[in-house]
N, C-alpha and C. Protein backbone atom coordinates (compact mmCIF):
# COMPACT_ATOMS: atom_id res chain seq x y z
N MET A 1 79.97 32.47 31.68
CA MET A 1 79.21 32.17 30.33
C MET A 1 78.03 32.30 30.41
N LYS A 2 77.20 33.56 29.63
CA LYS A 2 75.76 34.04 29.74
C LYS A 2 75.00 33.01 29.04
N ARG A 3 73.86 32.71 29.71
CA ARG A 3 72.95 31.72 28.77
C ARG A 3 71.37 32.24 29.39
N GLN A 4 70.63 31.60 28.37
CA GLN A 4 69.04 32.00 28.87
C GLN A 4 68.70 31.50 29.62
N ALA A 5 67.68 31.83 30.38
CA ALA A 5 66.92 30.98 31.21
C ALA A 5 66.31 29.76 30.73
N ARG A 6 65.94 29.04 31.43
CA ARG A 6 65.14 27.87 31.08
C ARG A 6 63.60 27.55 31.93
N GLY A 7 62.82 27.05 31.76
CA GLY A 7 61.77 26.62 32.09
C GLY A 7 62.08 25.70 33.28
N GLY A 8 61.41 25.64 34.78
CA GLY A 8 61.73 24.90 35.61
C GLY A 8 60.04 23.74 35.69
N GLY A 9 59.87 23.58 36.63
CA GLY A 9 58.89 22.69 36.85
C GLY A 9 57.84 23.44 37.02
N PRO A 10 55.92 22.84 37.19
CA PRO A 10 55.29 23.03 36.95
C PRO A 10 54.85 24.19 38.19
N LEU A 11 53.94 25.05 37.10
CA LEU A 11 53.87 26.24 37.74
C LEU A 11 52.33 26.19 38.64
N ALA A 12 51.61 26.81 39.49
CA ALA A 12 50.35 27.25 39.51
C ALA A 12 49.55 28.14 38.68
N ILE A 13 48.43 27.76 38.66
CA ILE A 13 47.55 28.46 38.18
C ILE A 13 47.05 29.80 38.55
N GLY A 14 46.85 29.92 39.82
CA GLY A 14 46.06 30.71 40.50
C GLY A 14 47.08 31.17 41.52
N GLY A 15 47.23 32.58 42.33
CA GLY A 15 47.72 32.92 42.83
C GLY A 15 49.52 32.93 42.48
N SER A 16 50.31 33.12 43.49
CA SER A 16 51.48 33.01 43.33
C SER A 16 52.26 31.53 43.69
N SER A 17 53.02 31.45 42.77
CA SER A 17 53.61 30.32 43.39
C SER A 17 55.34 30.22 43.24
N ALA A 18 56.33 29.61 43.96
CA ALA A 18 57.50 29.65 43.74
C ALA A 18 57.82 28.46 43.81
N GLU A 19 58.92 27.87 43.19
CA GLU A 19 59.93 27.06 43.44
C GLU A 19 61.52 27.26 42.95
N THR A 20 62.63 26.71 43.51
CA THR A 20 63.44 26.95 43.67
C THR A 20 64.21 25.25 43.36
N VAL A 21 64.63 25.30 42.25
CA VAL A 21 64.92 24.08 41.74
C VAL A 21 65.95 24.11 41.21
N GLU A 22 67.13 22.97 41.49
CA GLU A 22 68.76 22.63 40.56
C GLU A 22 68.20 22.66 39.13
N ASP A 23 69.15 23.54 38.52
CA ASP A 23 69.09 23.20 36.98
C ASP A 23 69.61 21.48 36.56
N ARG A 24 68.52 21.14 35.45
CA ARG A 24 68.91 19.82 35.25
C ARG A 24 69.23 19.91 33.49
N THR A 25 69.75 20.88 32.97
CA THR A 25 69.61 21.13 31.66
C THR A 25 70.74 21.09 31.43
N GLY A 26 71.99 20.94 32.21
CA GLY A 26 73.44 20.55 31.69
C GLY A 26 74.14 22.10 31.53
N GLY A 27 73.61 23.54 32.16
CA GLY A 27 73.35 24.62 32.37
C GLY A 27 74.54 24.90 33.17
N GLY A 28 75.09 24.17 34.24
CA GLY A 28 75.91 24.23 35.46
C GLY A 28 77.41 24.50 34.64
N THR A 29 78.68 24.53 35.35
CA THR A 29 79.76 24.73 34.85
C THR A 29 80.65 24.08 36.04
N GLU A 30 81.90 23.47 35.95
CA GLU A 30 82.51 22.65 37.02
C GLU A 30 82.63 23.62 38.23
N GLN A 31 82.38 24.86 38.15
CA GLN A 31 82.05 25.40 39.75
C GLN A 31 80.97 25.13 40.30
N GLY A 32 79.96 24.41 39.64
CA GLY A 32 78.47 24.02 40.22
C GLY A 32 77.61 24.08 39.34
N PRO A 33 76.20 23.88 39.15
CA PRO A 33 75.38 23.94 38.58
C PRO A 33 74.21 25.11 39.14
N ALA A 34 73.81 25.90 38.22
CA ALA A 34 72.82 26.74 37.92
C ALA A 34 71.72 26.67 38.89
N ARG A 35 71.58 27.53 39.69
CA ARG A 35 69.85 27.11 40.41
C ARG A 35 69.10 28.58 40.29
N GLN A 36 68.03 28.28 40.38
CA GLN A 36 66.35 28.62 39.44
C GLN A 36 65.75 29.14 40.78
N LEU A 37 64.89 29.82 40.23
CA LEU A 37 64.09 30.71 41.16
C LEU A 37 62.92 31.10 39.92
N ARG A 38 61.58 30.43 40.25
CA ARG A 38 60.72 30.41 38.93
C ARG A 38 59.53 30.76 40.13
N ARG A 39 58.76 31.61 39.57
CA ARG A 39 57.62 31.91 40.33
C ARG A 39 56.42 32.61 39.25
N ARG A 40 55.07 32.13 39.50
CA ARG A 40 53.76 32.80 38.70
C ARG A 40 53.25 33.76 39.38
N LEU A 41 53.30 35.12 38.82
CA LEU A 41 52.39 36.04 39.89
C LEU A 41 51.11 36.35 39.24
N GLY A 42 50.16 36.47 40.29
CA GLY A 42 49.02 36.47 39.80
C GLY A 42 48.53 37.87 39.47
N ARG A 43 47.42 37.82 38.73
CA ARG A 43 47.21 39.22 38.36
C ARG A 43 47.08 40.61 39.25
N ALA A 44 48.00 41.51 38.93
CA ALA A 44 47.54 42.49 39.40
C ALA A 44 48.03 42.20 41.36
N ASP A 45 48.61 41.50 41.74
CA ASP A 45 48.81 40.98 42.91
C ASP A 45 50.28 41.76 43.22
N LEU A 46 50.11 42.77 43.52
CA LEU A 46 51.19 43.89 44.04
C LEU A 46 51.89 43.16 45.42
N ARG A 47 51.54 42.61 46.00
CA ARG A 47 52.08 41.30 47.05
C ARG A 47 52.74 40.80 46.74
N ALA A 48 53.04 40.28 45.68
CA ALA A 48 53.84 39.50 45.12
C ALA A 48 55.37 40.00 44.92
N VAL A 49 55.59 41.27 44.92
CA VAL A 49 56.52 42.06 44.54
C VAL A 49 57.81 41.64 45.95
N PRO A 50 57.28 42.26 47.18
CA PRO A 50 58.26 41.95 48.41
C PRO A 50 58.18 40.49 48.57
N GLU A 51 57.33 39.56 47.82
CA GLU A 51 57.48 38.24 48.31
C GLU A 51 59.01 37.71 47.21
N THR A 52 58.53 38.42 46.02
CA THR A 52 59.96 38.19 44.90
C THR A 52 61.19 38.35 45.37
N ARG A 53 61.25 39.68 46.14
CA ARG A 53 62.38 40.28 46.25
C ARG A 53 62.80 39.08 47.74
N ARG A 54 61.98 38.75 48.39
CA ARG A 54 62.72 37.82 49.76
C ARG A 54 62.99 36.55 48.96
N ALA A 55 62.16 36.27 48.23
CA ALA A 55 62.71 34.78 47.38
C ALA A 55 64.13 35.05 46.66
N LEU A 56 63.95 35.83 45.76
CA LEU A 56 65.36 35.95 45.27
C LEU A 56 66.73 36.20 46.57
N ARG A 57 66.50 37.09 47.37
CA ARG A 57 67.89 37.53 48.20
C ARG A 57 67.99 35.88 48.75
N GLU A 58 67.06 35.31 49.04
CA GLU A 58 67.71 33.62 49.79
C GLU A 58 68.08 33.24 48.18
N LEU A 59 67.75 32.84 47.16
CA LEU A 59 68.65 32.34 45.87
C LEU A 59 70.04 32.89 45.99
N LEU A 60 70.53 34.33 46.39
CA LEU A 60 71.85 34.98 46.08
C LEU A 60 72.74 35.36 47.05
N ARG A 61 71.99 34.65 48.85
CA ARG A 61 72.57 34.64 50.14
C ARG A 61 74.01 34.69 49.24
N HIS A 62 74.75 34.01 48.72
CA HIS A 62 76.25 33.22 48.80
C HIS A 62 77.17 33.96 47.63
N TRP A 63 75.94 34.79 46.47
CA TRP A 63 76.25 35.08 45.48
C TRP A 63 76.81 36.59 44.70
N GLY A 64 77.87 36.35 44.48
CA GLY A 64 78.23 37.56 43.50
C GLY A 64 79.37 38.77 44.90
N ARG A 65 79.43 39.67 44.27
CA ARG A 65 80.32 41.07 45.21
C ARG A 65 79.34 41.41 46.25
N PRO A 66 79.51 42.12 47.10
CA PRO A 66 79.24 42.78 47.76
C PRO A 66 78.26 43.67 47.16
N GLY A 67 76.57 44.07 47.26
CA GLY A 67 75.70 45.01 46.40
C GLY A 67 75.22 44.22 45.17
N ARG A 68 75.56 43.20 44.50
CA ARG A 68 75.09 42.77 43.21
C ARG A 68 73.95 42.27 43.55
N SER A 69 73.68 41.27 44.50
CA SER A 69 72.39 40.96 45.03
C SER A 69 71.46 42.02 45.49
N GLU A 70 71.76 42.95 45.79
CA GLU A 70 70.96 44.18 46.16
C GLU A 70 69.99 45.31 45.11
N ILE A 71 71.13 45.35 43.60
CA ILE A 71 70.90 45.69 42.93
C ILE A 71 70.01 44.62 42.09
N ALA A 72 70.30 43.64 41.86
CA ALA A 72 69.43 42.31 41.41
C ALA A 72 67.64 42.22 41.78
N GLU A 73 67.74 42.78 43.12
CA GLU A 73 66.43 42.69 44.08
C GLU A 73 65.62 43.94 43.38
N LEU A 74 66.51 45.30 43.54
CA LEU A 74 66.04 46.45 43.32
C LEU A 74 65.37 46.65 41.33
N LEU A 75 66.05 45.58 40.44
CA LEU A 75 65.74 45.49 39.16
C LEU A 75 64.58 44.46 39.05
N THR A 76 64.60 43.46 39.76
CA THR A 76 63.52 42.13 39.89
C THR A 76 62.16 43.18 40.40
N SER A 77 62.28 43.92 41.35
CA SER A 77 60.98 44.30 41.90
C SER A 77 60.49 45.26 40.63
N GLU A 78 61.38 45.86 40.20
CA GLU A 78 60.93 47.27 39.11
C GLU A 78 60.39 46.29 37.77
N LEU A 79 60.87 45.30 37.66
CA LEU A 79 60.44 44.46 36.04
C LEU A 79 58.94 43.60 36.99
N VAL A 80 58.69 43.45 37.77
CA VAL A 80 57.79 42.60 38.78
C VAL A 80 56.56 43.37 38.53
N THR A 81 57.14 44.94 38.69
CA THR A 81 56.29 45.78 39.64
C THR A 81 55.06 46.44 38.25
N ASN A 82 56.66 46.10 36.64
CA ASN A 82 56.17 47.05 35.61
C ASN A 82 54.96 45.53 35.28
N ALA A 83 55.34 44.53 34.87
CA ALA A 83 54.93 43.85 34.74
C ALA A 83 53.04 43.61 35.26
N LEU A 84 53.09 43.89 36.49
CA LEU A 84 51.77 43.57 37.13
C LEU A 84 50.76 44.84 37.19
N VAL A 85 51.72 46.07 36.70
CA VAL A 85 50.75 47.14 37.03
C VAL A 85 50.30 47.38 35.27
N HIS A 86 51.25 47.22 34.39
CA HIS A 86 50.95 47.78 33.19
C HIS A 86 50.31 46.55 31.99
N THR A 87 50.13 45.49 32.70
CA THR A 87 49.92 44.42 32.04
C THR A 87 47.97 44.26 32.32
N ASP A 88 47.80 44.28 33.40
CA ASP A 88 46.83 43.85 34.11
C ASP A 88 46.20 42.11 34.14
N ARG A 89 47.37 41.18 33.77
CA ARG A 89 47.63 39.71 33.60
C ARG A 89 48.47 39.35 34.38
N ASP A 90 48.83 38.17 34.96
CA ASP A 90 49.80 37.47 35.46
C ASP A 90 51.04 37.60 34.51
N ALA A 91 51.88 36.96 35.25
CA ALA A 91 53.60 37.60 35.00
C ALA A 91 53.91 36.19 35.15
N VAL A 92 54.82 35.57 35.12
CA VAL A 92 56.06 34.91 35.31
C VAL A 92 57.45 35.40 35.57
N VAL A 93 58.14 35.42 36.43
CA VAL A 93 59.51 35.31 36.88
C VAL A 93 60.46 34.60 37.16
N THR A 94 61.52 34.26 36.47
CA THR A 94 62.56 33.06 36.16
C THR A 94 63.72 33.89 36.78
N ALA A 95 64.46 33.88 37.86
CA ALA A 95 65.84 33.95 38.08
C ALA A 95 66.95 32.95 37.73
N THR A 96 67.56 33.21 36.87
CA THR A 96 68.64 32.05 36.98
C THR A 96 69.98 32.20 37.28
N VAL A 97 70.50 31.70 38.55
CA VAL A 97 72.08 32.22 38.98
C VAL A 97 72.70 31.13 38.95
N GLY A 98 73.77 31.45 38.17
CA GLY A 98 74.90 30.35 38.16
C GLY A 98 76.60 31.45 38.47
N PRO A 99 77.59 30.72 38.71
CA PRO A 99 78.71 30.84 39.11
C PRO A 99 79.35 32.39 38.89
N ARG A 100 78.96 33.21 37.81
CA ARG A 100 78.85 33.83 36.87
C ARG A 100 78.30 34.92 36.54
N ALA A 101 77.47 34.82 36.43
CA ALA A 101 76.26 35.74 36.04
C ALA A 101 74.79 35.32 36.51
N LEU A 102 73.81 36.10 36.61
CA LEU A 102 72.47 35.91 37.33
C LEU A 102 71.84 36.72 35.88
N ARG A 103 70.73 35.74 35.34
CA ARG A 103 70.00 36.37 34.73
C ARG A 103 68.01 36.32 35.11
N VAL A 104 67.58 37.77 35.10
CA VAL A 104 66.18 37.31 35.67
C VAL A 104 65.23 37.80 34.37
N GLU A 105 64.01 37.12 34.46
CA GLU A 105 63.79 37.13 33.33
C GLU A 105 61.94 37.74 33.82
N VAL A 106 61.35 38.64 33.33
CA VAL A 106 59.66 38.89 33.57
C VAL A 106 58.76 38.69 32.77
N ARG A 107 58.20 37.37 32.19
CA ARG A 107 57.24 37.43 31.47
C ARG A 107 55.85 37.97 31.62
N ASP A 108 55.37 38.54 30.62
CA ASP A 108 53.69 38.75 30.66
C ASP A 108 53.13 38.41 29.66
N PHE A 109 51.86 38.59 29.52
CA PHE A 109 51.13 37.93 28.30
C PHE A 109 50.47 38.92 27.51
N VAL A 110 51.07 39.90 27.47
CA VAL A 110 50.46 41.54 26.71
C VAL A 110 51.65 41.77 25.38
N ALA A 111 51.19 41.90 24.62
CA ALA A 111 52.43 42.47 23.66
C ALA A 111 52.34 43.92 23.78
N GLY A 112 53.25 44.39 22.87
CA GLY A 112 53.59 46.06 23.03
C GLY A 112 55.20 45.85 24.00
N ARG A 113 55.79 46.47 23.25
CA ARG A 113 57.71 46.80 23.66
C ARG A 113 57.53 47.79 24.63
N PRO A 114 58.00 47.77 25.74
CA PRO A 114 58.23 48.58 27.03
C PRO A 114 59.47 49.40 26.03
N SER A 115 59.57 50.54 26.59
CA SER A 115 60.89 51.44 26.91
C SER A 115 60.77 52.38 28.08
N PRO A 116 62.24 52.45 28.42
CA PRO A 116 62.57 53.66 29.30
C PRO A 116 61.99 55.21 28.66
N ARG A 117 61.75 55.97 29.98
CA ARG A 117 60.97 56.78 29.74
C ARG A 117 61.50 58.01 30.89
N VAL A 118 60.94 59.18 30.84
CA VAL A 118 61.53 60.14 31.81
C VAL A 118 60.19 59.92 33.20
N ALA A 119 60.72 60.20 34.13
CA ALA A 119 59.86 59.85 35.60
C ALA A 119 58.72 61.15 35.55
N THR A 120 57.48 60.80 36.06
CA THR A 120 56.33 61.70 36.09
C THR A 120 56.81 62.79 37.13
N ASP A 121 56.14 63.63 37.02
CA ASP A 121 56.29 64.68 37.97
C ASP A 121 55.96 64.15 39.45
N ASP A 122 55.18 63.27 40.11
CA ASP A 122 55.25 62.78 41.16
C ASP A 122 56.88 62.25 41.63
N GLY A 123 56.86 61.54 40.52
CA GLY A 123 58.62 60.85 41.05
C GLY A 123 58.20 59.30 41.22
N THR A 124 57.08 59.17 41.45
CA THR A 124 57.08 57.35 41.67
C THR A 124 56.48 56.76 40.74
N HIS A 125 56.41 57.12 39.05
CA HIS A 125 56.18 56.11 37.63
C HIS A 125 57.35 56.90 37.02
N GLY A 126 57.75 55.40 36.22
CA GLY A 126 58.39 56.12 34.66
C GLY A 126 59.64 55.94 34.84
N ARG A 127 60.39 55.42 36.13
CA ARG A 127 61.92 55.04 36.48
C ARG A 127 62.68 53.58 36.07
N GLY A 128 61.59 52.70 36.52
CA GLY A 128 62.03 51.19 36.32
C GLY A 128 62.75 50.72 35.35
N LEU A 129 62.41 50.86 34.00
CA LEU A 129 63.51 50.82 33.12
C LEU A 129 64.69 51.26 32.80
N VAL A 130 64.46 52.78 33.39
CA VAL A 130 65.55 53.57 33.52
C VAL A 130 66.67 53.06 34.43
N LEU A 131 66.31 52.64 35.19
CA LEU A 131 67.15 52.03 36.13
C LEU A 131 67.54 50.64 36.02
N VAL A 132 67.11 49.66 34.84
CA VAL A 132 66.84 48.74 34.43
C VAL A 132 68.27 49.16 33.56
N GLN A 133 68.17 49.70 32.41
CA GLN A 133 69.37 50.32 31.68
C GLN A 133 70.65 50.61 31.83
N SER A 134 70.03 51.68 33.56
CA SER A 134 71.54 52.03 33.98
C SER A 134 72.32 51.02 34.91
N LEU A 135 71.80 50.03 35.35
CA LEU A 135 72.60 49.26 36.50
C LEU A 135 72.59 47.84 36.15
N ALA A 136 72.10 46.97 35.09
CA ALA A 136 71.92 46.09 34.54
C ALA A 136 73.57 45.98 33.35
N ASP A 137 73.87 44.57 33.52
CA ASP A 137 75.31 44.42 32.66
C ASP A 137 74.76 44.70 31.21
N SER A 138 73.52 43.67 30.84
CA SER A 138 72.63 43.41 29.97
C SER A 138 71.16 43.82 30.13
N TRP A 139 70.35 43.89 29.09
CA TRP A 139 69.02 44.02 29.21
C TRP A 139 68.38 43.87 27.83
N GLY A 140 66.82 43.51 27.75
CA GLY A 140 66.59 43.59 26.64
C GLY A 140 65.01 42.93 27.05
N VAL A 141 63.98 43.30 25.47
CA VAL A 141 62.63 42.60 25.58
C VAL A 141 62.79 42.01 24.31
N GLN A 142 62.21 40.02 24.60
CA GLN A 142 62.19 39.59 23.62
C GLN A 142 60.64 38.81 23.58
N PRO A 143 60.32 39.51 22.61
CA PRO A 143 58.69 39.01 22.33
C PRO A 143 58.41 37.32 22.19
N HIS A 144 57.15 37.12 22.28
CA HIS A 144 56.64 35.79 22.46
C HIS A 144 55.31 35.42 22.01
N GLY A 145 55.17 34.46 21.60
CA GLY A 145 53.96 34.34 21.31
C GLY A 145 52.58 35.11 21.24
N VAL A 146 52.70 35.14 22.69
CA VAL A 146 51.53 35.70 23.65
C VAL A 146 52.36 36.57 24.40
N GLY A 147 52.61 37.68 24.38
CA GLY A 147 53.19 38.72 25.58
C GLY A 147 54.64 38.82 24.76
N LYS A 148 55.86 39.12 26.07
CA LYS A 148 56.85 39.63 26.00
C LYS A 148 57.65 38.88 27.28
N ALA A 149 58.95 39.07 27.25
CA ALA A 149 59.70 38.98 28.30
C ALA A 149 60.93 39.81 28.25
N VAL A 150 60.69 40.30 29.68
CA VAL A 150 61.99 41.86 29.71
C VAL A 150 62.74 41.11 30.87
N TRP A 151 64.03 41.17 30.63
CA TRP A 151 65.73 40.51 31.28
C TRP A 151 66.06 41.43 31.39
N PHE A 152 67.39 40.60 32.29
CA PHE A 152 68.17 41.75 32.72
C PHE A 152 69.24 40.57 32.99
N GLU A 153 70.41 40.79 32.54
CA GLU A 153 72.14 40.05 33.52
C GLU A 153 72.89 40.98 33.98
N LEU A 154 73.23 40.22 35.27
CA LEU A 154 74.21 41.03 36.16
C LEU A 154 75.35 40.02 36.08
N ASP A 155 76.62 40.42 36.25
CA ASP A 155 77.95 39.72 36.03
C ASP A 155 78.33 39.85 37.89
N ALA A 156 78.37 38.67 38.19
CA ALA A 156 78.28 38.65 40.01
C ALA A 156 79.89 39.05 40.25
N GLU A 157 80.56 39.36 39.31
CA GLU A 157 82.06 40.13 40.24
C GLU A 157 82.14 41.63 39.29
N ALA A 158 81.13 41.95 38.98
CA ALA A 158 81.03 43.50 38.21
C ALA A 158 81.60 43.80 39.50
N ALA A 159 82.00 45.59 39.07
CA ALA A 159 81.51 46.49 40.58
C ALA A 159 81.01 47.60 40.27
């Protein structure tokens, strides 16, 4: 069963802050509780991209079929990079992993709906959402009062 990620504990106001918490919202199953990574990313702090990947890798150490966690790392780094580069504001990444599925949500504080587009001539920009669209089992954009959340889900057992 897929479910929307819920907020965790307190977040630091400046810089990057991370926590991994057991889900206390009742979202676990008979196969075990969901686990969550929640990190506040500082404005334009691109060092947060590899730090977030490492934290996600640790969270997903024993999750899913081979290759699923690598896809999750790639897609998460694309969404985090987009949020930091295109908004010039803080962002919050939340990854909730359960026995059957992973949901990653990157929330920023700027209005405007992103959309997949063709890569630029230099090949370094424009492919993030295309990768998310191609590799995620589902994905979308959820508007919030201030800004939006771009999210994706991966099934643990998909090929």
